[in-house]
Protein backbone atom coordinates (compact mmCIF):
# COMPACT_ATOMS: atom_id res chain seq x y z
CA MET A 1 -10.15 -11.38 -25.59
CA SER A 2 -8.04 -12.55 -28.64
CA SER A 3 -7.08 -16.44 -28.32
CA GLY A 4 -4.74 -18.59 -29.97
CA VAL A 5 -5.89 -21.90 -28.60
CA ALA A 6 -9.35 -22.51 -26.94
CA ASN A 7 -7.63 -23.12 -22.87
CA HIS A 8 -5.06 -19.47 -23.75
CA SER A 9 -6.40 -15.95 -24.87
CA SER A 10 -4.10 -12.78 -24.53
CA VAL A 11 -4.82 -9.49 -25.54
CA VAL A 12 -0.86 -7.54 -27.09
CA ALA A 13 -0.56 -3.59 -26.83
CA GLY A 14 2.93 -2.48 -27.73
CA ASP A 15 5.33 -4.22 -25.07
CA THR A 16 2.51 -5.10 -22.73
CA VAL A 17 0.62 -8.38 -22.84
CA VAL A 18 -1.99 -9.75 -20.37
CA THR A 19 -2.68 -13.67 -20.70
CA ALA A 20 -5.85 -15.81 -19.01
CA ARG A 21 -6.37 -19.16 -18.80
CA ARG A 22 -9.59 -21.50 -18.24
CA PRO A 23 -11.95 -20.73 -15.79
CA LEU A 24 -10.43 -17.23 -15.35
CA LYS A 25 -10.80 -16.37 -18.84
CA ASP A 26 -14.38 -17.28 -19.53
CA ALA A 27 -15.25 -15.82 -15.95
CA ALA A 28 -13.50 -12.63 -18.08
CA GLU A 29 -15.42 -12.50 -21.28
CA ARG A 30 -19.01 -13.27 -19.00
CA VAL A 31 -18.14 -9.58 -17.90
CA LEU A 32 -17.03 -8.04 -20.75
CA GLY A 33 -19.97 -7.53 -22.47
CA ARG A 34 -21.41 -5.61 -19.74
CA LEU A 35 -18.87 -3.32 -19.92
CA TRP A 36 -18.63 -2.37 -23.79
CA ILE A 37 -22.48 -1.88 -23.29
CA ASP A 38 -21.73 0.42 -20.35
CA GLN A 39 -18.91 2.20 -22.34
CA VAL A 40 -16.88 1.92 -19.89
CA PRO A 41 -13.12 2.06 -21.75
CA VAL A 42 -14.09 5.70 -23.00
CA ARG A 43 -15.93 7.08 -20.20
CA LEU A 44 -12.61 6.33 -18.17
CA ALA A 45 -10.35 7.29 -20.99
CA SER A 46 -13.10 11.04 -20.84
CA GLU A 47 -13.70 11.16 -16.56
CA ASP A 48 -17.26 10.61 -17.00
CA PRO A 49 -17.95 11.81 -13.62
CA MET A 50 -21.48 9.64 -13.74
CA LEU A 51 -19.18 6.60 -12.85
CA TRP A 52 -18.69 6.63 -9.69
CA PRO A 53 -20.70 9.37 -6.65
CA SER A 54 -18.25 10.73 -5.54
CA ALA A 55 -16.78 11.93 -9.49
CA ALA A 56 -20.11 13.64 -9.62
CA THR A 57 -19.28 15.25 -6.03
CA ALA A 58 -16.54 16.35 -7.23
CA GLN A 59 -18.12 18.06 -10.11
CA VAL A 60 -20.27 19.74 -8.44
CA GLU A 61 -17.76 21.70 -6.30
CA GLY A 62 -15.21 22.03 -8.83
CA ARG A 63 -12.30 19.99 -7.36
CA ARG A 64 -9.94 17.66 -9.28
CA LEU A 65 -9.37 14.46 -8.60
CA CYS A 66 -6.65 11.72 -9.39
CA TRP A 67 -8.51 9.09 -12.18
CA PRO A 68 -6.72 6.31 -12.99
CA GLY A 69 -3.83 6.16 -15.77
CA GLN A 70 -3.87 9.58 -16.25
CA PRO A 71 -0.17 11.30 -16.97
CA GLY A 72 -1.02 14.83 -17.70
CA PRO A 73 -1.33 15.96 -14.27
CA GLY A 74 1.99 14.38 -13.47
CA ARG A 75 3.64 16.10 -16.24
CA ALA A 76 2.30 19.63 -16.31
CA VAL A 77 4.72 19.27 -13.04
CA LEU A 78 7.72 18.29 -14.77
CA GLU A 79 9.15 21.63 -15.74
CA ARG A 80 8.26 22.92 -11.86
CA VAL A 81 10.04 19.84 -10.24
CA ALA A 82 12.74 20.57 -12.80
CA GLY A 83 13.66 23.29 -11.18
CA LEU A 84 13.24 22.93 -7.57
CA ARG A 85 15.78 20.03 -8.70
CA GLY A 86 18.20 22.25 -9.81
CA SER A 87 17.37 25.02 -6.94
CA LEU A 88 18.53 22.11 -4.28
CA SER A 89 21.68 20.99 -5.69
CA THR A 90 23.41 24.93 -5.68
CA GLU A 91 21.67 25.82 -2.76
CA SER A 92 21.12 25.33 0.92
CA PHE A 93 23.53 22.72 0.51
CA GLU A 94 27.54 22.99 2.00
CA ASP A 95 29.83 22.65 -1.44
CA GLY A 96 27.10 22.94 -3.39
CA ALA A 97 27.19 18.83 -2.97
CA GLY A 98 23.19 18.81 -3.17
CA PRO A 99 21.16 16.26 -1.23
CA ALA A 100 21.56 12.67 -0.73
CA ARG A 101 18.93 11.00 0.61
CA VAL A 102 15.31 12.16 -0.09
CA VAL A 103 12.02 11.29 2.75
CA LEU A 104 8.80 10.86 1.33
CA ILE A 105 5.74 11.12 3.67
CA GLY A 106 2.54 9.75 2.96
CA GLN A 107 0.30 7.12 2.60
CA GLY A 108 -1.70 5.51 0.12
CA ALA A 109 -0.69 3.49 -3.30
CA ALA A 110 0.85 6.74 -5.08
CA VAL A 111 3.22 6.69 -2.30
CA ARG A 112 3.92 3.15 -3.10
CA ALA A 113 4.01 3.81 -6.89
CA ALA A 114 6.85 6.57 -6.17
CA GLU A 115 9.21 3.83 -4.37
CA ALA A 116 8.91 1.51 -7.42
CA ILE A 117 10.18 4.31 -9.82
CA VAL A 118 12.78 4.72 -7.94
CA ARG A 119 13.28 1.34 -7.55
CA ALA A 120 13.45 0.88 -10.84
CA ALA A 121 15.13 3.75 -11.38
CA GLY A 122 17.84 2.68 -9.55
CA ARG A 123 18.15 -0.68 -10.85
CA ASP A 124 18.53 1.03 -14.58
CA ALA A 125 21.62 3.27 -13.12
CA GLY A 126 23.38 0.68 -12.44
CA ASP A 127 26.40 1.86 -9.98
CA ALA A 128 25.82 5.51 -11.42
CA PRO A 129 24.84 8.51 -8.17
CA ALA A 130 22.89 9.84 -10.31
CA VAL A 131 19.73 8.22 -8.18
CA LEU A 132 19.35 9.02 -4.36
CA PRO A 133 18.07 7.01 -1.92
CA LEU A 134 14.17 7.42 -1.02
CA THR A 135 13.09 7.00 2.02
CA VAL A 136 9.11 6.17 2.60
CA LEU A 137 7.67 7.34 5.77
CA ASP A 138 3.83 5.90 6.19
CA GLY A 139 3.24 5.87 9.44
CA PRO A 140 3.52 6.49 13.20
CA GLU A 141 6.51 3.16 13.95
CA PRO A 142 9.49 5.22 15.26
CA GLY A 143 12.07 3.08 14.21
CA PRO A 144 12.66 4.83 10.85
CA LEU A 145 12.65 8.17 12.67
CA ALA A 146 14.86 7.13 15.01
CA ARG A 147 17.35 5.73 12.71
CA LEU A 148 17.42 9.17 10.81
CA ALA A 149 17.54 11.15 14.23
CA ALA A 150 21.16 9.38 15.03
CA ASP A 151 22.51 10.29 11.30
CA PRO A 152 22.67 14.50 11.66
CA ALA A 153 25.10 14.81 8.86
CA GLY A 154 22.70 12.29 6.26
CA LEU A 155 19.23 14.94 7.96
CA ALA A 156 21.57 17.68 6.97
CA ALA A 157 21.57 16.11 3.62
CA THR A 158 17.96 15.40 3.23
CA VAL A 159 15.02 16.74 1.39
CA VAL A 160 11.28 16.06 2.71
CA VAL A 161 8.61 16.01 0.29
CA VAL A 162 4.70 15.93 2.12
CA ALA A 163 2.35 14.00 -0.37
CA GLY A 164 -1.31 14.21 1.01
CA ASP A 165 -3.31 16.05 3.44
CA ASP A 166 -4.36 14.49 6.95
CA PRO A 167 -2.90 13.91 10.53
CA GLY A 168 -1.03 11.46 10.57
CA THR A 169 1.61 12.79 7.75
CA ASP A 170 1.35 15.98 9.14
CA THR A 171 2.50 15.12 12.39
CA LEU A 172 5.35 13.09 10.70
CA ARG A 173 6.51 16.26 8.98
CA ARG A 174 6.55 18.16 12.03
CA VAL A 175 8.39 15.59 14.10
CA LEU A 176 10.71 14.88 10.81
CA LEU A 177 10.83 19.03 10.39
CA ASP A 178 12.18 19.81 14.27
CA MET A 179 14.37 16.50 13.67
CA ILE A 180 16.38 18.59 10.73
CA ARG A 181 16.67 21.71 12.41
CA SER A 182 18.08 19.99 15.50
CA ALA A 183 20.61 18.73 13.08
CA GLY A 184 21.76 22.58 12.57
CA VAL A 185 20.28 22.98 9.34
CA PRO A 186 19.99 27.11 9.02
CA PRO A 187 15.95 28.22 8.81
CA ASP A 188 16.59 29.72 5.27
CA ASP A 189 18.10 26.61 4.28
CA LEU A 190 15.48 24.25 6.09
CA ALA A 191 12.41 25.86 4.44
CA ARG A 192 13.94 25.36 0.82
CA ARG A 193 14.80 21.37 2.05
CA PHE A 194 10.28 20.32 2.39
CA VAL A 195 8.13 20.50 -0.67
CA THR A 196 4.99 19.80 -0.50
CA VAL A 197 2.61 18.02 -3.02
CA ALA A 198 -1.45 18.49 -2.03
CA ALA A 199 -4.79 19.65 -3.16
CA ALA A 200 -4.94 23.86 -3.79
CA ASP A 201 -7.68 24.25 -0.78
CA SER A 202 -6.17 21.81 1.94
CA ALA A 203 -4.26 21.95 4.89
CA ALA A 204 -1.22 20.87 3.96
CA ALA A 205 -1.15 23.28 1.48
CA LYS A 206 -2.04 26.29 3.65
CA THR A 207 0.74 24.68 5.94
CA ALA A 208 3.34 24.53 3.54
CA MET A 209 2.42 28.41 2.31
CA GLU A 210 3.13 29.34 5.86
CA ALA A 211 6.20 27.69 6.94
CA GLY A 212 7.44 29.08 2.93
CA HIS A 213 8.27 25.56 2.13
CA ALA A 214 7.64 24.72 -1.86
CA LEU A 215 4.12 24.35 -2.90
CA VAL A 216 3.41 21.34 -6.10
CA GLU A 217 -0.64 21.63 -7.07
CA ALA A 218 -2.30 18.08 -7.68
CA PRO A 219 -6.00 16.84 -7.61
CA ALA A 220 -6.78 15.09 -4.25
CA GLN A 221 -5.67 11.85 -3.91
CA THR A 222 -7.69 8.89 -4.16
CA ALA A 223 -6.93 5.30 -4.49
CA PHE A 224 -5.45 6.37 -8.14
CA GLY A 225 -2.50 8.58 -8.69
CA ALA A 226 1.12 6.43 -9.54
CA LEU A 227 1.72 8.98 -12.06
CA SER A 228 0.31 12.12 -10.49
CA PRO A 229 2.37 14.68 -9.03
CA TYR A 230 2.46 12.38 -5.21
CA ALA A 231 4.92 10.06 -6.63
CA LEU A 232 5.96 11.64 -9.50
CA VAL A 233 7.41 14.61 -7.61
CA PRO A 234 9.15 13.09 -5.00
CA ALA A 235 10.42 10.61 -8.21
CA VAL A 236 11.87 13.47 -9.62
CA LEU A 237 13.36 15.01 -6.79
CA ALA A 238 15.66 11.27 -6.53
CA GLY A 239 16.41 11.46 -10.18
CA ALA A 240 14.41 9.51 -11.67
CA ASP A 241 13.55 10.69 -15.84
CA ALA A 242 9.64 11.03 -15.47
CA ASP A 243 9.99 12.68 -19.06
CA ALA A 244 10.86 8.76 -20.53
CA LEU A 245 8.36 7.25 -18.09
CA LEU A 246 5.76 9.40 -18.62
CA ASP A 247 6.24 9.04 -22.37
CA GLU A 248 5.99 4.97 -21.92
CA ALA A 249 2.75 5.82 -20.32
CA THR A 250 1.28 7.50 -23.23
CA ALA A 251 2.19 4.80 -25.50
CA VAL A 252 -0.28 2.66 -24.18
CA LEU A 253 -2.80 5.36 -23.05
CA PRO A 254 -4.54 4.57 -27.45
CA ALA A 255 -5.40 0.68 -26.53
CA LEU A 256 -7.34 1.50 -23.31
CA THR A 257 -9.84 3.07 -25.20
CA ARG A 258 -10.82 0.66 -27.10
CA PRO A 259 -13.78 -1.89 -27.08
CA GLU A 260 -11.17 -4.95 -27.60
CA ASP A 261 -7.56 -5.95 -27.75
CA ASN A 262 -7.73 -3.50 -24.24
CA PRO A 263 -5.40 -5.29 -21.82
CA GLY A 264 -6.36 -2.80 -18.93
CA LEU A 265 -9.75 -3.70 -19.59
CA VAL A 266 -9.15 -7.17 -19.65
CA LEU A 267 -7.22 -6.86 -16.85
CA GLY A 268 -9.93 -5.40 -14.56
CA ALA A 269 -12.54 -8.66 -16.15
CA ILE A 270 -10.28 -10.90 -14.92
CA LEU A 271 -10.41 -9.29 -11.28
CA GLY A 272 -13.63 -8.81 -11.38
CA GLY A 273 -14.98 -11.13 -12.85
CA ALA A 274 -13.27 -13.27 -10.46
CA VAL A 275 -14.80 -12.32 -7.75
CA ARG A 276 -18.06 -12.67 -8.77
CA ALA A 277 -17.46 -15.97 -9.86
CA GLY A 278 -16.49 -16.73 -5.95
CA ARG A 279 -13.12 -16.45 -6.55
CA GLY A 280 -12.32 -13.70 -4.11
CA THR A 281 -8.56 -14.32 -3.87
CA LEU A 282 -6.06 -13.03 -5.84
CA VAL A 283 -2.70 -14.39 -5.48
CA LEU A 284 0.20 -11.93 -6.82
CA GLY A 285 3.26 -13.61 -7.73
CA GLY A 286 6.09 -13.64 -10.42
CA TYR A 287 9.52 -12.27 -10.75
CA PRO A 288 9.88 -9.37 -7.80
CA ALA A 289 13.46 -8.88 -9.12
CA ALA A 290 12.61 -7.78 -12.63
CA LEU A 291 9.88 -4.84 -11.39
CA PRO A 292 10.85 -4.90 -7.42
CA GLY A 293 8.04 -2.60 -5.86
CA LEU A 294 5.61 -2.98 -8.11
CA ALA A 295 3.32 -6.55 -6.39
CA GLY A 296 3.66 -4.96 -3.44
CA TRP A 297 2.05 -1.53 -5.18
CA ALA A 298 -0.64 -3.47 -6.77
CA ALA A 299 -2.06 -5.05 -4.03
CA ARG A 300 -2.51 -1.80 -2.30
CA LEU A 301 -4.01 -0.63 -4.67
CA LEU A 302 -6.24 -2.95 -5.38
CA ASP A 303 -7.28 -3.14 -2.29
CA GLU A 304 -8.05 0.89 -2.18
CA ALA A 305 -9.77 0.81 -5.55
CA THR A 306 -12.08 -2.23 -3.91
CA GLY A 307 -12.72 -1.63 -0.81
CA GLY A 308 -11.03 -4.63 0.22
CA GLY A 309 -13.58 -6.56 -2.20
CA LEU A 310 -10.52 -8.43 -4.08
CA THR A 311 -8.10 -9.97 -0.78
CA THR A 312 -4.60 -9.92 -2.70
CA VAL A 313 -2.09 -12.08 -1.51
CA VAL A 314 1.94 -11.01 -2.65
CA GLN A 315 4.08 -14.06 -2.91
CA GLY A 316 6.94 -12.75 -1.73
CA GLY A 317 9.26 -15.26 -0.26
CA GLY A 318 7.22 -18.42 -1.05
CA LEU A 319 4.85 -18.11 0.65
CA PRO A 320 3.21 -21.18 1.00
CA LEU A 321 -0.57 -21.90 -0.16
CA ALA A 322 -2.36 -25.00 -1.25
CA PRO A 323 -4.25 -24.82 -4.33
CA ASP A 324 -7.95 -24.22 -3.72
CA PRO A 325 -11.26 -22.91 -5.90
CA ASP A 326 -11.42 -19.49 -4.52
CA LEU A 327 -8.23 -18.38 -5.28
CA PHE A 328 -6.57 -17.73 -8.63
CA LEU A 329 -2.83 -16.88 -9.85
CA VAL A 330 -1.51 -14.15 -11.57
CA THR A 331 2.21 -13.44 -12.26
CA LEU A 332 4.04 -10.80 -13.40
CA ASP A 333 6.47 -11.75 -16.17
CA GLY A 334 4.94 -15.32 -15.84
CA ARG A 335 4.08 -18.78 -17.33
CA PRO A 336 1.57 -17.69 -19.74
CA HIS A 337 0.51 -21.42 -20.65
CA GLN A 338 0.23 -22.60 -16.89
CA ASP A 339 -0.46 -19.94 -14.55
CA ASP A 340 -3.77 -18.34 -14.17
CA ALA A 341 -3.80 -14.80 -15.35
CA THR A 342 -0.51 -13.03 -16.08
CA VAL A 343 0.52 -9.20 -16.97
CA THR A 344 4.04 -8.87 -18.96
CA GLY A 345 5.18 -4.83 -19.73
CA PRO A 346 7.79 -2.04 -18.69
CA LEU A 347 7.14 0.01 -15.66
CA ALA A 348 4.84 2.97 -16.79
CA ALA A 349 2.58 0.60 -18.79
CA GLN A 350 2.36 -1.71 -16.07
CA LEU A 351 1.13 1.06 -13.58
CA VAL A 352 -1.26 2.56 -16.01
CA VAL A 353 -2.47 -1.11 -16.90
CA TRP A 354 -3.25 -1.89 -12.90
CA GLU A 355 -4.72 1.37 -12.53
CA TYR A 356 -7.30 0.76 -15.14
CA ALA A 357 -7.70 -2.72 -14.05
CA ALA A 358 -8.28 -1.82 -10.83
CA ALA A 359 -10.84 0.70 -11.68
CA VAL A 360 -13.10 -1.37 -13.91
CA ALA A 361 -13.15 -4.08 -11.06
CA ALA A 362 -14.07 -1.43 -8.70
CA TYR A 363 -17.28 -0.93 -11.17
CA LEU A 364 -18.20 -4.43 -11.62
CA LEU A 365 -18.27 -4.70 -7.56
CA GLY A 366 -19.48 -1.90 -7.03
CA HIS A 367 -17.22 0.04 -5.29
CA ASP A 368 -16.32 3.63 -5.33
CA PRO A 369 -12.55 4.04 -6.02
CA LEU A 370 -12.67 7.58 -5.93
CA ALA A 371 -14.43 7.92 -2.80
CA PRO A 372 -12.19 9.27 0.60
CA PRO A 373 -10.40 6.74 2.72
CA PRO A 374 -12.79 5.34 5.43
CA ARG A 375 -12.42 6.80 8.69
CA GLN A 376 -9.56 5.90 11.35
CA ALA A 377 -10.81 4.15 14.02
CA PRO A 378 -11.29 7.15 17.22
CA LEU A 379 -7.15 6.79 19.15
CA THR A 380 -7.50 4.96 22.86
CA LEU A 381 -5.60 3.69 25.01
CA ASP A 382 -8.12 0.78 25.26
CA ASP A 383 -8.42 -2.30 22.92
CA GLY A 384 -11.62 -3.63 25.27
CA THR A 385 -9.93 -6.47 26.50
CA GLY A 386 -8.41 -6.29 29.56
CA ASP A 387 -5.67 -7.46 31.25
CA PRO A 388 -3.66 -10.17 29.16
CA VAL A 389 -5.55 -13.30 28.90
CA PHE A 390 -1.73 -14.96 29.70
CA ALA A 391 1.68 -14.17 29.18
CA ASP A 392 4.19 -16.48 27.56
CA GLY A 393 7.59 -15.95 28.22
CA ASP A 394 10.39 -14.39 31.18
CA PRO A 395 9.28 -10.45 32.69
CA GLY A 396 9.81 -8.26 30.01
CA ARG A 397 10.76 -10.92 27.48
CA ALA A 398 7.03 -12.48 27.52
CA VAL A 399 4.60 -12.10 24.71
CA GLU A 400 1.21 -10.87 26.20
CA VAL A 401 -2.41 -12.51 24.71
CA HIS A 402 -5.00 -9.71 25.03
CA THR A 403 -8.37 -10.84 23.07
CA THR A 404 -11.98 -12.10 24.13
CA VAL A 405 -12.83 -14.69 21.18
CA PRO A 406 -14.19 -17.87 23.36
CA GLY A 407 -12.16 -21.30 23.28
CA LEU A 408 -8.88 -18.66 22.83
CA ALA A 409 -9.27 -16.76 26.13
CA GLU A 410 -8.29 -20.13 27.53
CA ALA A 411 -5.22 -21.33 25.67
CA PRO A 412 -2.67 -22.42 27.51
CA ASP A 413 0.06 -21.64 26.01
CA LEU A 414 1.03 -19.63 22.95
CA GLY A 415 1.27 -22.97 20.91
CA ARG A 416 -2.40 -24.02 21.76
CA LEU A 417 -3.63 -20.47 20.62
CA LEU A 418 -1.78 -20.72 17.46
CA ASP A 419 -3.81 -23.98 17.01
CA GLY A 420 -6.68 -22.47 17.85
CA LEU A 421 -6.47 -19.23 15.78
CA ALA A 422 -5.59 -21.40 12.37
CA GLY A 423 -8.59 -23.33 13.23
CA LEU A 424 -10.89 -20.49 13.41
CA VAL A 425 -9.84 -19.40 9.61
CA GLY A 426 -12.57 -21.09 7.53
CA PRO A 427 -12.55 -23.22 3.79
CA HIS A 428 -13.07 -19.90 2.34
CA GLY A 429 -11.35 -17.26 4.48
CA HIS A 430 -8.08 -15.71 5.45
CA LEU A 431 -5.79 -15.22 8.18
CA ALA A 432 -4.96 -11.03 8.20
CA ILE A 433 -1.63 -10.00 10.19
CA VAL A 434 -1.26 -6.73 11.36
CA ALA A 435 1.76 -5.52 12.66
CA TYR A 436 2.69 -2.50 14.31
CA LEU A 437 6.31 -2.68 14.23
CA ASP A 438 8.99 -1.63 12.06
CA PRO A 439 8.47 -3.08 8.70
CA ASP A 440 12.34 -2.87 7.11
CA GLU A 441 13.96 -6.17 6.49
CA THR A 442 17.25 -5.45 8.11
CA ARG A 443 16.72 -2.66 10.44
CA GLY A 444 13.02 -3.84 11.89
CA GLN A 445 10.96 -6.63 12.19
CA GLY A 446 10.07 -7.03 8.62
CA THR A 447 12.22 -10.72 7.88
CA GLN A 448 10.58 -12.14 10.96
CA VAL A 449 7.12 -11.14 10.31
CA ARG A 450 6.99 -12.56 7.23
CA ARG A 451 8.33 -15.85 7.93
CA LEU A 452 5.54 -15.97 10.55
CA ALA A 453 2.69 -15.09 8.05
CA ALA A 454 4.67 -18.16 6.34
CA LEU A 455 4.44 -20.71 8.72
CA LEU A 456 1.09 -19.93 9.59
CA ALA A 457 -0.19 -20.27 6.26
CA ALA A 458 1.56 -23.36 6.09
CA ARG A 459 -0.76 -24.33 9.66
CA CYS A 460 -3.99 -22.83 8.46
CA ASP A 461 -3.79 -23.78 4.94
CA ARG A 462 -5.39 -21.00 4.12
CA PRO A 463 -3.82 -17.22 2.60
CA VAL A 464 -1.95 -15.12 5.50
CA THR A 465 -1.96 -11.11 4.27
CA VAL A 466 0.67 -9.18 5.98
CA ALA A 467 -0.19 -5.68 6.90
CA TRP A 468 2.04 -2.69 8.81
CA GLY A 469 -0.16 -1.06 11.06
CA GLY A 470 -1.03 3.02 10.62
CA ARG A 471 -0.90 2.99 6.87
CA GLY A 472 -4.09 4.00 6.68
CA PRO A 473 -7.24 1.88 8.23
CA VAL A 474 -7.86 -1.65 9.09
CA ARG A 475 -10.77 -2.42 7.05
CA GLY A 476 -14.27 -3.88 8.66
CA ARG A 477 -16.71 -5.50 7.54
CA ALA A 478 -18.90 -2.45 6.49
CA ALA A 479 -15.83 -1.26 4.09
CA ALA A 480 -15.63 -5.12 2.90
CA ALA A 481 -19.48 -5.45 2.29
CA ALA A 482 -19.45 -2.81 -0.04
CA GLY A 483 -16.82 -4.17 -2.30
CA THR A 484 -18.04 -7.49 -2.99
CA GLY A 485 -20.09 -7.92 -5.62
CA ASN A 486 -22.07 -10.75 -4.57
CA ASP A 487 -22.54 -9.31 -1.01
CA GLN A 488 -19.81 -11.66 0.79
CA LEU A 489 -19.27 -10.18 4.18
CA ASP A 490 -15.23 -10.01 5.41
CA ARG A 491 -14.09 -13.98 6.31
CA GLY A 492 -10.80 -12.22 7.86
CA VAL A 493 -9.51 -13.76 11.20
CA TYR A 494 -7.38 -10.76 12.15
CA LEU A 495 -4.02 -11.11 14.43
CA LEU A 496 -2.64 -7.88 15.26
CA VAL A 497 0.79 -7.72 16.79
CA THR A 498 2.15 -4.89 19.21
CA GLY A 499 5.61 -4.59 20.59
CA ASN A 500 6.90 -1.79 23.19
CA VAL A 501 9.38 0.80 21.60
CA VAL A 502 13.13 1.06 22.96
CA ARG A 503 14.18 4.62 20.73
CA ASP A 504 10.99 6.47 20.64
CA VAL A 505 10.41 9.74 18.92
CA PRO A 506 8.68 12.93 20.66
CA VAL A 507 6.13 14.45 18.72
CA PRO A 508 6.37 18.84 19.00
CA ASP A 509 4.73 20.97 20.81
CA ARG A 510 2.57 16.87 21.72
CA HIS A 511 2.66 15.39 25.42
CA HIS A 512 3.23 12.37 23.69
CA ARG A 513 5.75 10.57 21.69
CA LEU A 514 5.09 8.08 17.77
CA GLY A 515 4.88 4.98 19.79
CA MET A 516 2.26 6.23 21.96
CA LEU A 517 0.18 6.80 19.20
CA GLN A 518 1.09 3.74 16.83
CA LEU A 519 -0.22 1.90 19.79
CA ALA A 520 -3.07 3.75 20.22
CA ARG A 521 -3.66 3.12 16.57
CA ALA A 522 -3.07 -0.53 16.91
CA LEU A 523 -5.81 -0.41 20.03
CA GLY A 524 -8.56 1.54 17.64
CA ASP A 525 -8.37 -0.67 15.16
CA ALA A 526 -8.73 -4.01 17.28
CA ARG A 527 -11.63 -2.26 18.32
CA ALA A 528 -13.36 -1.69 15.10
CA VAL A 529 -12.90 -5.14 14.11
CA ARG A 530 -14.11 -6.87 16.82
CA ALA A 531 -17.18 -3.91 16.66
CA ASP A 532 -17.55 -6.03 12.82
CA GLY A 533 -17.80 -9.38 14.73
CA ARG A 534 -14.43 -11.00 13.33
CA PRO A 535 -11.97 -12.61 15.32
CA VAL A 536 -9.81 -10.40 16.80
CA VAL A 537 -6.25 -11.42 18.74
CA ARG A 538 -3.70 -9.04 19.88
CA LEU A 539 -0.45 -9.84 20.75
CA HIS A 540 1.62 -7.80 22.74
CA LEU A 541 5.57 -8.15 22.45
CA GLN A 542 7.29 -7.05 25.34
CA ASN A 543 10.62 -7.22 23.65
CA ARG A 544 10.23 -7.11 19.94
CA TRP A 545 12.75 -9.47 19.59
CA ALA A 546 12.81 -11.93 21.76
CA GLY A 547 9.02 -11.97 21.34
CA LEU A 548 9.02 -12.54 17.55
CA ALA A 549 11.49 -15.63 18.00
CA ARG A 550 8.71 -17.19 20.62
CA LEU A 551 5.84 -16.53 18.19
CA LEU A 552 8.37 -17.93 15.48
CA ASP A 553 8.96 -21.20 17.44
CA ALA A 554 5.37 -21.45 18.15
CA ALA A 555 4.42 -21.42 14.49
CA ARG A 556 6.90 -24.23 14.63
CA GLY A 557 5.73 -26.03 17.03
CA GLU A 558 8.73 -26.21 18.91
CA GLY A 559 9.21 -25.18 22.54
């Protein structure tokens, strides 16, 4: 790491700058030597299959994987996607007006990268109508789909991208296919509205070919893929300039093969070195308006790549956190001489550098970032706690409390329950809120859940993470233990929030609705977390809005 002063170091590659202050600078320098000796920069650049077991297995089986920071697979499909976009502008839509919206169905960090790319493109376009809105569906929450169904004209002007190959994604594909058909789109036009991005030998690819949907082949999904077809296909269909994005990404690649002055290597050493030094919680802050969605994508990437070995808190909305020796702050476009570390650079360069850094951190922590995601808990309509221990509020608007944690099960009201929950969070632990609700900030419960997180962070004086149920499996002790460099187990205390659904959405050819799938997922996750030995409380809102209002009052110490 280059340094102008003893307490502060910086690495510069074009417009990308990574800085670190002591003690994070010292923690990174302690592991950089090992990374150089192990030739990690060159091995990452050459996609050495011996880096991780999953890569070696994929090579033997002849399968391609998404590696970090590699724009090649994305560039290879640009001509194909441009042709699809051109045909969508003249076919399948009334008066040749073209699509008015892109809906992306999928899970994982690549989906969040697509969202960040489109948001940045929309910001750069200003008032120009070239960039279409992108709606992401990544879980069984009925709210976003119910809103789509309430706008038949909008549905008739929608293009759908199916990214990936998992049962949840296919369920949402079938739901949306039925909804667009019901909006009056003819069968031939309906087939042209769907574009699938998947590995050639996957079930999703087979389904696309049988249905007559366009198929864009891609390497198998991993924690990486911000510049892969999984992110670029929906972004290009929405109007993002992928050529410029990939040119920008390619410009930073030479710096990532160097043993020194390598921003990705240094950022990875900062992240992995901090965990190895006992700082296991990253607070990701900065100025999200500059690159909207980047922090959320980076947090998802780091969770997937390190297997939960690094706890990441996105400090959106001023989430209060007391300084603590196990926390460290990394800011986007932050203050190099005040923050623990900063990362500055254009969007494409940051996508590459953060993916590279996540791979380096995973290497240092002994986790395989190319491994398939852990299996989700079996679907069940029982979380193993039986009837609620108490219900706070009037019938139909109450908050039902489910837990088997000693002490919490005897709490007389929500206020005492939250006090007890905060007390379980140890001096180096955190509270993990998993909300099986609608994450939309204006039409759903996103704003209220984040307010709840801020209040509980102040109450327990420790970090509070927020995740939305259905966006992948809730990680338990086994995953966390495999992802840490010093064999620390998951120290999270879990608060799961479920709620009744007012406008549910049926699943075609099934005897259930999305709301039932969502609740079953939550109950299965609750059982899995409890089986891992972690404290877990599930709060079920008979009325989502009234229940969250009651929860916020209790978190403030009111009522």
